[in-house]
PDB file of all heavy atoms in Angstrom:
ATOM      1  N   PHE A   1      22.474  16.467 -21.514  1.00  0.00           N
ATOM      2  CA  PHE A   1      21.781  17.374 -22.422  1.00  0.00           C
ATOM      3  C   PHE A   1      22.184  17.059 -23.858  1.00  0.00           C
ATOM      4  O   PHE A   1      23.329  16.677 -24.117  1.00  0.00           O
ATOM      5  CB  PHE A   1      22.156  18.827 -22.123  1.00  0.00           C
ATOM      6  CG  PHE A   1      21.655  19.362 -20.810  1.00  0.00           C
ATOM      7  CD1 PHE A   1      21.055  18.553 -19.863  1.00  0.00           C
ATOM      8  CD2 PHE A   1      21.791  20.710 -20.518  1.00  0.00           C
ATOM      9  CE1 PHE A   1      20.606  19.053 -18.657  1.00  0.00           C
ATOM     10  CE2 PHE A   1      21.347  21.237 -19.311  1.00  0.00           C
ATOM     11  CZ  PHE A   1      20.758  20.404 -18.382  1.00  0.00           C
ATOM     12  N   THR A   2      21.248  17.252 -24.767  1.00  0.00           N
ATOM     13  CA  THR A   2      21.519  17.077 -26.188  1.00  0.00           C
ATOM     14  C   THR A   2      20.952  18.258 -26.960  1.00  0.00           C
ATOM     15  O   THR A   2      19.763  18.581 -26.818  1.00  0.00           O
ATOM     16  CB  THR A   2      20.892  15.779 -26.717  1.00  0.00           C
ATOM     17  OG1 THR A   2      21.385  14.663 -25.969  1.00  0.00           O
ATOM     18  CG2 THR A   2      21.249  15.581 -28.191  1.00  0.00           C
ATOM     19  N   ILE A   3      21.794  18.886 -27.771  1.00  0.00           N
ATOM     20  CA  ILE A   3      21.345  19.986 -28.615  1.00  0.00           C
ATOM     21  C   ILE A   3      21.126  19.455 -30.031  1.00  0.00           C
ATOM     22  O   ILE A   3      21.878  18.605 -30.502  1.00  0.00           O
ATOM     23  CB  ILE A   3      22.360  21.153 -28.603  1.00  0.00           C
ATOM     24  CG1 ILE A   3      21.781  22.391 -29.281  1.00  0.00           C
ATOM     25  CG2 ILE A   3      23.691  20.735 -29.229  1.00  0.00           C
ATOM     26  CD1 ILE A   3      22.643  23.639 -29.094  1.00  0.00           C
ATOM     27  N   SER A   4      20.072  19.941 -30.675  1.00  0.00           N
ATOM     28  CA  SER A   4      19.778  19.506 -32.038  1.00  0.00           C
ATOM     29  C   SER A   4      19.110  20.655 -32.783  1.00  0.00           C
ATOM     30  O   SER A   4      18.670  21.634 -32.169  1.00  0.00           O
ATOM     31  CB  SER A   4      18.870  18.274 -32.038  1.00  0.00           C
ATOM     32  OG  SER A   4      17.633  18.561 -31.418  1.00  0.00           O
ATOM     33  N   SER A   5      19.051  20.521 -34.101  1.00  0.00           N
ATOM     34  CA  SER A   5      18.436  21.571 -34.904  1.00  0.00           C
ATOM     35  C   SER A   5      17.506  20.963 -35.935  1.00  0.00           C
ATOM     36  O   SER A   5      17.736  19.840 -36.409  1.00  0.00           O
ATOM     37  CB  SER A   5      19.505  22.416 -35.588  1.00  0.00           C
ATOM     38  OG  SER A   5      20.274  21.626 -36.487  1.00  0.00           O
ATOM     39  N   ASP A   6      16.473  21.687 -36.269  1.00  0.00           N
ATOM     40  CA  ASP A   6      15.535  21.300 -37.325  1.00  0.00           C
ATOM     41  C   ASP A   6      15.458  22.465 -38.295  1.00  0.00           C
ATOM     42  O   ASP A   6      14.763  23.455 -38.050  1.00  0.00           O
ATOM     43  CB  ASP A   6      14.164  20.984 -36.737  1.00  0.00           C
ATOM     44  CG  ASP A   6      13.190  20.484 -37.788  1.00  0.00           C
ATOM     45  OD1 ASP A   6      13.423  20.737 -38.997  1.00  0.00           O
ATOM     46  OD2 ASP A   6      12.186  19.847 -37.411  1.00  0.00           O
ATOM     47  N   ASN A   7      16.193  22.346 -39.395  1.00  0.00           N
ATOM     48  CA  ASN A   7      16.264  23.448 -40.350  1.00  0.00           C
ATOM     49  C   ASN A   7      14.917  23.737 -41.005  1.00  0.00           C
ATOM     50  O   ASN A   7      14.636  24.869 -41.377  1.00  0.00           O
ATOM     51  CB  ASN A   7      17.302  23.128 -41.426  1.00  0.00           C
ATOM     52  CG  ASN A   7      18.698  23.105 -40.864  1.00  0.00           C
ATOM     53  OD1 ASN A   7      18.932  23.546 -39.759  1.00  0.00           O
ATOM     54  ND2 ASN A   7      19.629  22.565 -41.632  1.00  0.00           N
ATOM     55  N   THR A   8      14.093  22.721 -41.135  1.00  0.00           N
ATOM     56  CA  THR A   8      12.796  22.922 -41.791  1.00  0.00           C
ATOM     57  C   THR A   8      11.883  23.804 -40.955  1.00  0.00           C
ATOM     58  O   THR A   8      10.983  24.447 -41.466  1.00  0.00           O
ATOM     59  CB  THR A   8      12.111  21.584 -42.070  1.00  0.00           C
ATOM     60  OG1 THR A   8      11.797  20.951 -40.821  1.00  0.00           O
ATOM     61  CG2 THR A   8      12.997  20.674 -42.893  1.00  0.00           C
ATOM     62  N   LYS A   9      12.135  23.825 -39.642  1.00  0.00           N
ATOM     63  CA  LYS A   9      11.309  24.625 -38.742  1.00  0.00           C
ATOM     64  C   LYS A   9      12.071  25.812 -38.163  1.00  0.00           C
ATOM     65  O   LYS A   9      11.553  26.531 -37.310  1.00  0.00           O
ATOM     66  CB  LYS A   9      10.783  23.758 -37.596  1.00  0.00           C
ATOM     67  CG  LYS A   9       9.885  22.612 -38.055  1.00  0.00           C
ATOM     68  CD  LYS A   9       9.404  21.791 -36.863  1.00  0.00           C
ATOM     69  CE  LYS A   9       8.508  20.651 -37.326  1.00  0.00           C
ATOM     70  NZ  LYS A   9       8.042  19.811 -36.197  1.00  0.00           N
ATOM     71  N   ASN A  10      13.325  26.002 -38.608  1.00  0.00           N
ATOM     72  CA  ASN A  10      14.172  27.079 -38.062  1.00  0.00           C
ATOM     73  C   ASN A  10      14.174  27.052 -36.535  1.00  0.00           C
ATOM     74  O   ASN A  10      14.035  28.083 -35.871  1.00  0.00           O
ATOM     75  CB  ASN A  10      13.689  28.452 -38.556  1.00  0.00           C
ATOM     76  CG  ASN A  10      13.987  28.674 -40.025  1.00  0.00           C
ATOM     77  OD1 ASN A  10      14.892  28.051 -40.586  1.00  0.00           O
ATOM     78  ND2 ASN A  10      13.225  29.534 -40.656  1.00  0.00           N
ATOM     79  N   THR A  11      14.316  25.869 -35.992  1.00  0.00           N
ATOM     80  CA  THR A  11      14.226  25.694 -34.545  1.00  0.00           C
ATOM     81  C   THR A  11      15.402  24.865 -34.028  1.00  0.00           C
ATOM     82  O   THR A  11      15.813  23.897 -34.669  1.00  0.00           O
ATOM     83  CB  THR A  11      12.902  25.014 -34.156  1.00  0.00           C
ATOM     84  OG1 THR A  11      11.819  25.807 -34.632  1.00  0.00           O
ATOM     85  CG2 THR A  11      12.783  24.867 -32.643  1.00  0.00           C
ATOM     86  N   VAL A  12      15.917  25.278 -32.888  1.00  0.00           N
ATOM     87  CA  VAL A  12      16.963  24.539 -32.196  1.00  0.00           C
ATOM     88  C   VAL A  12      16.373  24.043 -30.880  1.00  0.00           C
ATOM     89  O   VAL A  12      15.593  24.748 -30.233  1.00  0.00           O
ATOM     90  CB  VAL A  12      18.193  25.428 -31.933  1.00  0.00           C
ATOM     91  CG1 VAL A  12      19.209  24.705 -31.074  1.00  0.00           C
ATOM     92  CG2 VAL A  12      18.828  25.845 -33.240  1.00  0.00           C
ATOM     93  N   PHE A  13      16.763  22.835 -30.506  1.00  0.00           N
ATOM     94  CA  PHE A  13      16.226  22.213 -29.306  1.00  0.00           C
ATOM     95  C   PHE A  13      17.342  21.909 -28.310  1.00  0.00           C
ATOM     96  O   PHE A  13      18.489  21.696 -28.696  1.00  0.00           O
ATOM     97  CB  PHE A  13      15.509  20.898 -29.660  1.00  0.00           C
ATOM     98  CG  PHE A  13      14.426  21.057 -30.675  1.00  0.00           C
ATOM     99  CD1 PHE A  13      14.669  20.782 -32.020  1.00  0.00           C
ATOM    100  CD2 PHE A  13      13.168  21.480 -30.300  1.00  0.00           C
ATOM    101  CE1 PHE A  13      13.664  20.921 -32.968  1.00  0.00           C
ATOM    102  CE2 PHE A  13      12.150  21.623 -31.239  1.00  0.00           C
ATOM    103  CZ  PHE A  13      12.410  21.353 -32.570  1.00  0.00           C
ATOM    104  N   LEU A  14      16.964  21.874 -27.057  1.00  0.00           N
ATOM    105  CA  LEU A  14      17.868  21.403 -26.010  1.00  0.00           C
ATOM    106  C   LEU A  14      17.104  20.391 -25.173  1.00  0.00           C
ATOM    107  O   LEU A  14      16.203  20.758 -24.411  1.00  0.00           O
ATOM    108  CB  LEU A  14      18.365  22.553 -25.130  1.00  0.00           C
ATOM    109  CG  LEU A  14      19.411  22.152 -24.080  1.00  0.00           C
ATOM    110  CD1 LEU A  14      20.729  21.771 -24.777  1.00  0.00           C
ATOM    111  CD2 LEU A  14      19.653  23.284 -23.089  1.00  0.00           C
ATOM    112  N   GLN A  15      17.424  19.132 -25.371  1.00  0.00           N
ATOM    113  CA  GLN A  15      16.817  18.068 -24.584  1.00  0.00           C
ATOM    114  C   GLN A  15      17.619  17.911 -23.311  1.00  0.00           C
ATOM    115  O   GLN A  15      18.822  17.641 -23.367  1.00  0.00           O
ATOM    116  CB  GLN A  15      16.811  16.757 -25.368  1.00  0.00           C
ATOM    117  CG  GLN A  15      16.245  15.566 -24.600  1.00  0.00           C
ATOM    118  CD  GLN A  15      14.773  15.722 -24.300  1.00  0.00           C
ATOM    119  OE1 GLN A  15      13.991  16.146 -25.140  1.00  0.00           O
ATOM    120  NE2 GLN A  15      14.382  15.374 -23.076  1.00  0.00           N
ATOM    121  N   MET A  16      16.955  18.086 -22.185  1.00  0.00           N
ATOM    122  CA  MET A  16      17.634  18.045 -20.894  1.00  0.00           C
ATOM    123  C   MET A  16      17.092  16.862 -20.090  1.00  0.00           C
ATOM    124  O   MET A  16      15.911  16.820 -19.753  1.00  0.00           O
ATOM    125  CB  MET A  16      17.418  19.350 -20.134  1.00  0.00           C
ATOM    126  CG  MET A  16      17.821  20.586 -20.922  1.00  0.00           C
ATOM    127  SD  MET A  16      17.738  22.103 -19.954  1.00  0.00           S
ATOM    128  CE  MET A  16      15.992  22.189 -19.622  1.00  0.00           C
ATOM    129  N   ASN A  17      17.964  15.913 -19.805  1.00  0.00           N
ATOM    130  CA  ASN A  17      17.597  14.732 -19.031  1.00  0.00           C
ATOM    131  C   ASN A  17      18.363  14.711 -17.710  1.00  0.00           C
ATOM    132  O   ASN A  17      19.355  15.417 -17.548  1.00  0.00           O
ATOM    133  CB  ASN A  17      17.894  13.458 -19.824  1.00  0.00           C
ATOM    134  CG  ASN A  17      17.128  13.379 -21.116  1.00  0.00           C
ATOM    135  OD1 ASN A  17      15.992  13.868 -21.227  1.00  0.00           O
ATOM    136  ND2 ASN A  17      17.712  12.771 -22.128  1.00  0.00           N
ATOM    137  N   SER A  18      17.905  13.881 -16.793  1.00  0.00           N
ATOM    138  CA  SER A  18      18.569  13.736 -15.490  1.00  0.00           C
ATOM    139  C   SER A  18      18.840  15.093 -14.855  1.00  0.00           C
ATOM    140  O   SER A  18      19.947  15.374 -14.386  1.00  0.00           O
ATOM    141  CB  SER A  18      19.888  12.960 -15.667  1.00  0.00           C
ATOM    142  OG  SER A  18      19.660  11.700 -16.234  1.00  0.00           O
ATOM    143  N   LEU A  19      17.825  15.925 -14.844  1.00  0.00           N
ATOM    144  CA  LEU A  19      17.988  17.286 -14.333  1.00  0.00           C
ATOM    145  C   LEU A  19      18.292  17.292 -12.842  1.00  0.00           C
ATOM    146  O   LEU A  19      17.813  16.437 -12.079  1.00  0.00           O
ATOM    147  CB  LEU A  19      16.739  18.110 -14.634  1.00  0.00           C
ATOM    148  CG  LEU A  19      16.626  18.575 -16.084  1.00  0.00           C
ATOM    149  CD1 LEU A  19      15.209  18.992 -16.422  1.00  0.00           C
ATOM    150  CD2 LEU A  19      17.593  19.708 -16.353  1.00  0.00           C
ATOM    151  N   LYS A  20      19.102  18.268 -12.457  1.00  0.00           N
ATOM    152  CA  LYS A  20      19.528  18.434 -11.059  1.00  0.00           C
ATOM    153  C   LYS A  20      19.084  19.809 -10.567  1.00  0.00           C
ATOM    154  O   LYS A  20      18.916  20.730 -11.374  1.00  0.00           O
ATOM    155  CB  LYS A  20      21.042  18.335 -10.966  1.00  0.00           C
ATOM    156  CG  LYS A  20      21.634  17.069 -11.556  1.00  0.00           C
ATOM    157  CD  LYS A  20      23.152  17.140 -11.541  1.00  0.00           C
ATOM    158  CE  LYS A  20      23.770  15.899 -12.163  1.00  0.00           C
ATOM    159  NZ  LYS A  20      25.261  15.971 -12.162  1.00  0.00           N
ATOM    160  N   PRO A  21      18.935  19.975  -9.278  1.00  0.00           N
ATOM    161  CA  PRO A  21      18.563  21.301  -8.759  1.00  0.00           C
ATOM    162  C   PRO A  21      19.515  22.401  -9.213  1.00  0.00           C
ATOM    163  O   PRO A  21      19.088  23.541  -9.451  1.00  0.00           O
ATOM    164  CB  PRO A  21      18.622  21.106  -7.244  1.00  0.00           C
ATOM    165  CG  PRO A  21      18.282  19.669  -7.050  1.00  0.00           C
ATOM    166  CD  PRO A  21      18.919  18.959  -8.215  1.00  0.00           C
ATOM    167  N   GLU A  22      20.780  22.066  -9.375  1.00  0.00           N
ATOM    168  CA  GLU A  22      21.756  23.075  -9.817  1.00  0.00           C
ATOM    169  C   GLU A  22      21.595  23.460 -11.279  1.00  0.00           C
ATOM    170  O   GLU A  22      22.255  24.384 -11.752  1.00  0.00           O
ATOM    171  CB  GLU A  22      23.195  22.603  -9.545  1.00  0.00           C
ATOM    172  CG  GLU A  22      23.509  21.235 -10.095  1.00  0.00           C
ATOM    173  CD  GLU A  22      23.378  20.156  -9.028  1.00  0.00           C
ATOM    174  OE1 GLU A  22      22.394  20.184  -8.258  1.00  0.00           O
ATOM    175  OE2 GLU A  22      24.274  19.275  -8.987  1.00  0.00           O
ATOM    176  N   ASP A  23      20.718  22.792 -12.003  1.00  0.00           N
ATOM    177  CA  ASP A  23      20.410  23.191 -13.371  1.00  0.00           C
ATOM    178  C   ASP A  23      19.378  24.318 -13.407  1.00  0.00           C
ATOM    179  O   ASP A  23      19.069  24.853 -14.482  1.00  0.00           O
ATOM    180  CB  ASP A  23      19.867  22.011 -14.178  1.00  0.00           C
ATOM    181  CG  ASP A  23      20.908  20.926 -14.397  1.00  0.00           C
ATOM    182  OD1 ASP A  23      22.073  21.267 -14.678  1.00  0.00           O
ATOM    183  OD2 ASP A  23      20.554  19.736 -14.293  1.00  0.00           O
ATOM    184  N   THR A  24      18.839  24.675 -12.260  1.00  0.00           N
ATOM    185  CA  THR A  24      17.855  25.755 -12.190  1.00  0.00           C
ATOM    186  C   THR A  24      18.469  27.068 -12.652  1.00  0.00           C
ATOM    187  O   THR A  24      19.508  27.498 -12.139  1.00  0.00           O
ATOM    188  CB  THR A  24      17.335  25.907 -10.751  1.00  0.00           C
ATOM    189  OG1 THR A  24      16.620  24.728 -10.383  1.00  0.00           O
ATOM    190  CG2 THR A  24      16.414  27.110 -10.627  1.00  0.00           C
ATOM    191  N   ALA A  25      17.834  27.688 -13.634  1.00  0.00           N
ATOM    192  CA  ALA A  25      18.353  28.926 -14.219  1.00  0.00           C
ATOM    193  C   ALA A  25      17.388  29.406 -15.300  1.00  0.00           C
ATOM    194  O   ALA A  25      16.471  28.679 -15.693  1.00  0.00           O
ATOM    195  CB  ALA A  25      19.732  28.704 -14.833  1.00  0.00           C
ATOM    196  N   VAL A  26      17.624  30.620 -15.763  1.00  0.00           N
ATOM    197  CA  VAL A  26      16.975  31.082 -16.991  1.00  0.00           C
ATOM    198  C   VAL A  26      17.866  30.647 -18.145  1.00  0.00           C
ATOM    199  O   VAL A  26      19.075  30.912 -18.144  1.00  0.00           O
ATOM    200  CB  VAL A  26      16.794  32.607 -16.999  1.00  0.00           C
ATOM    201  CG1 VAL A  26      16.189  33.060 -18.320  1.00  0.00           C
ATOM    202  CG2 VAL A  26      15.908  33.034 -15.829  1.00  0.00           C
ATOM    203  N   TYR A  27      17.275  29.987 -19.103  1.00  0.00           N
ATOM    204  CA  TYR A  27      18.004  29.483 -20.261  1.00  0.00           C
ATOM    205  C   TYR A  27      17.750  30.392 -21.462  1.00  0.00           C
ATOM    206  O   TYR A  27      16.597  30.712 -21.770  1.00  0.00           O
ATOM    207  CB  TYR A  27      17.581  28.051 -20.574  1.00  0.00           C
ATOM    208  CG  TYR A  27      18.193  27.050 -19.618  1.00  0.00           C
ATOM    209  CD1 TYR A  27      17.769  26.973 -18.301  1.00  0.00           C
ATOM    210  CD2 TYR A  27      19.211  26.199 -20.032  1.00  0.00           C
ATOM    211  CE1 TYR A  27      18.335  26.070 -17.413  1.00  0.00           C
ATOM    212  CE2 TYR A  27      19.785  25.287 -19.152  1.00  0.00           C
ATOM    213  CZ  TYR A  27      19.340  25.239 -17.849  1.00  0.00           C
ATOM    214  OH  TYR A  27      19.916  24.342 -16.970  1.00  0.00           O
ATOM    215  N   TYR A  28      18.837  30.793 -22.104  1.00  0.00           N
ATOM    216  CA  TYR A  28      18.766  31.687 -23.245  1.00  0.00           C
ATOM    217  C   TYR A  28      19.316  30.997 -24.484  1.00  0.00           C
ATOM    218  O   TYR A  28      20.306  30.266 -24.405  1.00  0.00           O
ATOM    219  CB  TYR A  28      19.606  32.940 -23.003  1.00  0.00           C
ATOM    220  CG  TYR A  28      19.147  33.800 -21.854  1.00  0.00           C
ATOM    221  CD1 TYR A  28      19.638  33.577 -20.573  1.00  0.00           C
ATOM    222  CD2 TYR A  28      18.248  34.843 -22.052  1.00  0.00           C
ATOM    223  CE1 TYR A  28      19.232  34.368 -19.510  1.00  0.00           C
ATOM    224  CE2 TYR A  28      17.840  35.643 -21.004  1.00  0.00           C
ATOM    225  CZ  TYR A  28      18.327  35.399 -19.738  1.00  0.00           C
ATOM    226  OH  TYR A  28      17.929  36.189 -18.698  1.00  0.00           O
ATOM    227  N   CYS A  29      18.689  31.259 -25.622  1.00  0.00           N
ATOM    228  CA  CYS A  29      19.276  30.812 -26.879  1.00  0.00           C
ATOM    229  C   CYS A  29      19.870  32.029 -27.586  1.00  0.00           C
ATOM    230  O   CYS A  29      19.444  33.167 -27.358  1.00  0.00           O
ATOM    231  CB  CYS A  29      18.260  30.099 -27.761  1.00  0.00           C
ATOM    232  SG  CYS A  29      16.863  31.105 -28.297  1.00  0.00           S
ATOM    233  N   ALA A  30      20.837  31.767 -28.432  1.00  0.00           N
ATOM    234  CA  ALA A  30      21.547  32.860 -29.098  1.00  0.00           C
ATOM    235  C   ALA A  30      22.160  32.373 -30.388  1.00  0.00           C
ATOM    236  O   ALA A  30      22.371  31.169 -30.576  1.00  0.00           O
ATOM    237  CB  ALA A  30      22.625  33.413 -28.178  1.00  0.00           C
ATOM    238  N   ARG A  31      22.472  33.313 -31.267  1.00  0.00           N
ATOM    239  CA  ARG A  31      23.169  33.004 -32.514  1.00  0.00           C
ATOM    240  C   ARG A  31      24.552  33.609 -32.487  1.00  0.00           C
ATOM    241  O   ARG A  31      24.723  34.756 -32.019  1.00  0.00           O
ATOM    242  CB  ARG A  31      22.397  33.528 -33.719  1.00  0.00           C
ATOM    243  CG  ARG A  31      22.807  32.847 -35.047  1.00  0.00           C
ATOM    244  CD  ARG A  31      22.604  33.740 -36.238  1.00  0.00           C
ATOM    245  NE  ARG A  31      23.670  34.744 -36.321  1.00  0.00           N
ATOM    246  CZ  ARG A  31      23.799  35.595 -37.316  1.00  0.00           C
ATOM    247  NH1 ARG A  31      22.932  35.565 -38.317  1.00  0.00           N
ATOM    248  NH2 ARG A  31      24.774  36.480 -37.342  1.00  0.00           N
ATOM    249  N   SER A  32      25.518  32.885 -33.012  1.00  0.00           N
ATOM    250  CA  SER A  32      26.900  33.356 -32.965  1.00  0.00           C
ATOM    251  C   SER A  32      27.094  34.598 -33.827  1.00  0.00           C
ATOM    252  O   SER A  32      26.372  34.841 -34.794  1.00  0.00           O
ATOM    253  CB  SER A  32      27.850  32.255 -33.433  1.00  0.00           C
ATOM    254  OG  SER A  32      27.619  31.931 -34.790  1.00  0.00           O
ATOM    255  N   ARG A  33      28.103  35.383 -33.448  1.00  0.00           N
ATOM    256  CA  ARG A  33      28.437  36.567 -34.246  1.00  0.00           C
ATOM    257  C   ARG A  33      29.158  36.159 -35.532  1.00  0.00           C
ATOM    258  O   ARG A  33      28.988  36.782 -36.560  1.00  0.00           O
ATOM    259  CB  ARG A  33      29.369  37.477 -33.444  1.00  0.00           C
ATOM    260  CG  ARG A  33      28.751  38.072 -32.202  1.00  0.00           C
ATOM    261  CD  ARG A  33      29.784  38.963 -31.494  1.00  0.00           C
ATOM    262  NE  ARG A  33      29.276  39.485 -30.246  1.00  0.00           N
ATOM    263  CZ  ARG A  33      28.565  40.592 -30.140  1.00  0.00           C
ATOM    264  NH1 ARG A  33      28.288  41.294 -31.218  1.00  0.00           N
ATOM    265  NH2 ARG A  33      28.135  41.005 -28.962  1.00  0.00           N
ATOM    266  N   LEU A  34      30.010  35.143 -35.419  1.00  0.00           N
ATOM    267  CA  LEU A  34      30.849  34.721 -36.539  1.00  0.00           C
ATOM    268  C   LEU A  34      30.498  33.297 -36.946  1.00  0.00           C
ATOM    269  O   LEU A  34      29.720  32.612 -36.289  1.00  0.00           O
ATOM    270  CB  LEU A  34      32.326  34.827 -36.140  1.00  0.00           C
ATOM    271  CG  LEU A  34      32.804  36.204 -35.678  1.00  0.00           C
ATOM    272  CD1 LEU A  34      34.261  36.133 -35.234  1.00  0.00           C
ATOM    273  CD2 LEU A  34      32.624  37.239 -36.774  1.00  0.00           C
ATOM    274  N   LEU A  35      31.144  32.843 -38.024  1.00  0.00           N
ATOM    275  CA  LEU A  35      30.874  31.511 -38.539  1.00  0.00           C
ATOM    276  C   LEU A  35      31.704  30.442 -37.847  1.00  0.00           C
ATOM    277  O   LEU A  35      31.500  29.257 -38.088  1.00  0.00           O
ATOM    278  CB  LEU A  35      31.132  31.468 -40.044  1.00  0.00           C
ATOM    279  CG  LEU A  35      30.320  32.452 -40.876  1.00  0.00           C
ATOM    280  CD1 LEU A  35      30.640  32.270 -42.356  1.00  0.00           C
ATOM    281  CD2 LEU A  35      28.826  32.284 -40.639  1.00  0.00           C
ATOM    282  N   ILE A  36      32.651  30.861 -37.006  1.00  0.00           N
ATOM    283  CA  ILE A  36      33.473  29.911 -36.287  1.00  0.00           C
ATOM    284  C   ILE A  36      33.369  30.214 -34.794  1.00  0.00           C
ATOM    285  O   ILE A  36      33.117  31.355 -34.387  1.00  0.00           O
ATOM    286  CB  ILE A  36      34.951  29.943 -36.737  1.00  0.00           C
ATOM    287  CG1 ILE A  36      35.524  31.362 -36.604  1.00  0.00           C
ATOM    288  CG2 ILE A  36      35.065  29.455 -38.175  1.00  0.00           C
ATOM    289  CD1 ILE A  36      36.998  31.444 -36.910  1.00  0.00           C
ATOM    290  N   LEU A  37      33.584  29.181 -33.992  1.00  0.00           N
ATOM    291  CA  LEU A  37      33.516  29.309 -32.543  1.00  0.00           C
ATOM    292  C   LEU A  37      34.604  28.472 -31.902  1.00  0.00           C
ATOM    293  O   LEU A  37      34.957  27.409 -32.431  1.00  0.00           O
ATOM    294  CB  LEU A  37      32.174  28.791 -32.016  1.00  0.00           C
ATOM    295  CG  LEU A  37      30.942  29.675 -32.016  1.00  0.00           C
ATOM    296  CD1 LEU A  37      29.769  28.917 -31.405  1.00  0.00           C
ATOM    297  CD2 LEU A  37      31.187  30.982 -31.294  1.00  0.00           C
ATOM    298  N   PRO A  38      35.096  28.898 -30.744  1.00  0.00           N
ATOM    299  CA  PRO A  38      35.954  28.001 -29.976  1.00  0.00           C
ATOM    300  C   PRO A  38      35.084  26.901 -29.369  1.00  0.00           C
ATOM    301  O   PRO A  38      33.867  27.073 -29.233  1.00  0.00           O
ATOM    302  CB  PRO A  38      36.531  28.919 -28.891  1.00  0.00           C
ATOM    303  CG  PRO A  38      35.531  30.014 -28.746  1.00  0.00           C
ATOM    304  CD  PRO A  38      34.938  30.213 -30.110  1.00  0.00           C
ATOM    305  N   PRO A  39      35.642  25.763 -28.981  1.00  0.00           N
ATOM    306  CA  PRO A  39      34.854  24.660 -28.418  1.00  0.00           C
ATOM    307  C   PRO A  39      34.098  25.030 -27.145  1.00  0.00           C
ATOM    308  O   PRO A  39      33.056  24.459 -26.851  1.00  0.00           O
ATOM    309  CB  PRO A  39      35.891  23.578 -28.144  1.00  0.00           C
ATOM    310  CG  PRO A  39      37.020  23.901 -29.066  1.00  0.00           C
ATOM    311  CD  PRO A  39      37.056  25.395 -29.163  1.00  0.00           C
ATOM    312  N   LYS A  40      34.610  25.973 -26.390  1.00  0.00           N
ATOM    313  CA  LYS A  40      33.931  26.412 -25.167  1.00  0.00           C
ATOM    314  C   LYS A  40      33.693  27.921 -25.280  1.00  0.00           C
ATOM    315  O   LYS A  40      34.412  28.725 -24.691  1.00  0.00           O
ATOM    316  CB  LYS A  40      34.773  26.095 -23.927  1.00  0.00           C
ATOM    317  CG  LYS A  40      34.990  24.609 -23.693  1.00  0.00           C
ATOM    318  CD  LYS A  40      33.702  23.910 -23.318  1.00  0.00           C
ATOM    319  CE  LYS A  40      33.935  22.514 -22.781  1.00  0.00           C
ATOM    320  NZ  LYS A  40      34.481  21.578 -23.746  1.00  0.00           N
ATOM    321  N   PRO A  41      32.707  28.320 -26.080  1.00  0.00           N
ATOM    322  CA  PRO A  41      32.497  29.741 -26.322  1.00  0.00           C
ATOM    323  C   PRO A  41      31.942  30.473 -25.102  1.00  0.00           C
ATOM    324  O   PRO A  41      31.397  29.864 -24.185  1.00  0.00           O
ATOM    325  CB  PRO A  41      31.491  29.744 -27.466  1.00  0.00           C
ATOM    326  CG  PRO A  41      30.734  28.483 -27.301  1.00  0.00           C
ATOM    327  CD  PRO A  41      31.720  27.483 -26.770  1.00  0.00           C
ATOM    328  N   SER A  42      32.065  31.782 -25.135  1.00  0.00           N
ATOM    329  CA  SER A  42      31.484  32.609 -24.095  1.00  0.00           C
ATOM    330  C   SER A  42      30.334  33.413 -24.686  1.00  0.00           C
ATOM    331  O   SER A  42      30.103  33.402 -25.899  1.00  0.00           O
ATOM    332  CB  SER A  42      32.541  33.554 -23.515  1.00  0.00           C
ATOM    333  OG  SER A  42      32.940  34.488 -24.498  1.00  0.00           O
ATOM    334  N   ALA A  43      29.623  34.113 -23.821  1.00  0.00           N
ATOM    335  CA  ALA A  43      28.491  34.902 -24.279  1.00  0.00           C
ATOM    336  C   ALA A  43      28.914  35.962 -25.289  1.00  0.00           C
ATOM    337  O   ALA A  43      28.133  36.330 -26.171  1.00  0.00           O
ATOM    338  CB  ALA A  43      27.796  35.550 -23.083  1.00  0.00           C
ATOM    339  N   SER A  44      30.133  36.443 -25.198  1.00  0.00           N
ATOM    340  CA  SER A  44      30.603  37.481 -26.112  1.00  0.00           C
ATOM    341  C   SER A  44      30.749  36.981 -27.543  1.00  0.00           C
ATOM    342  O   SER A  44      30.847  37.774 -28.481  1.00  0.00           O
ATOM    343  CB  SER A  44      31.945  38.050 -25.644  1.00  0.00           C
ATOM    344  OG  SER A  44      32.935  37.044 -25.650  1.00  0.00           O
TER     345      SER A  44
END
């Protein structure tokens, strides 16, 4: 997977390749609460 952003369109993308059955899910996008994040953030 590759995440990217296009500031001109205010859009973030997630390119997903080599998909597996275990990738089946509802995918949500979100914005962080703060300006910093740990490398492996949680939903909170």
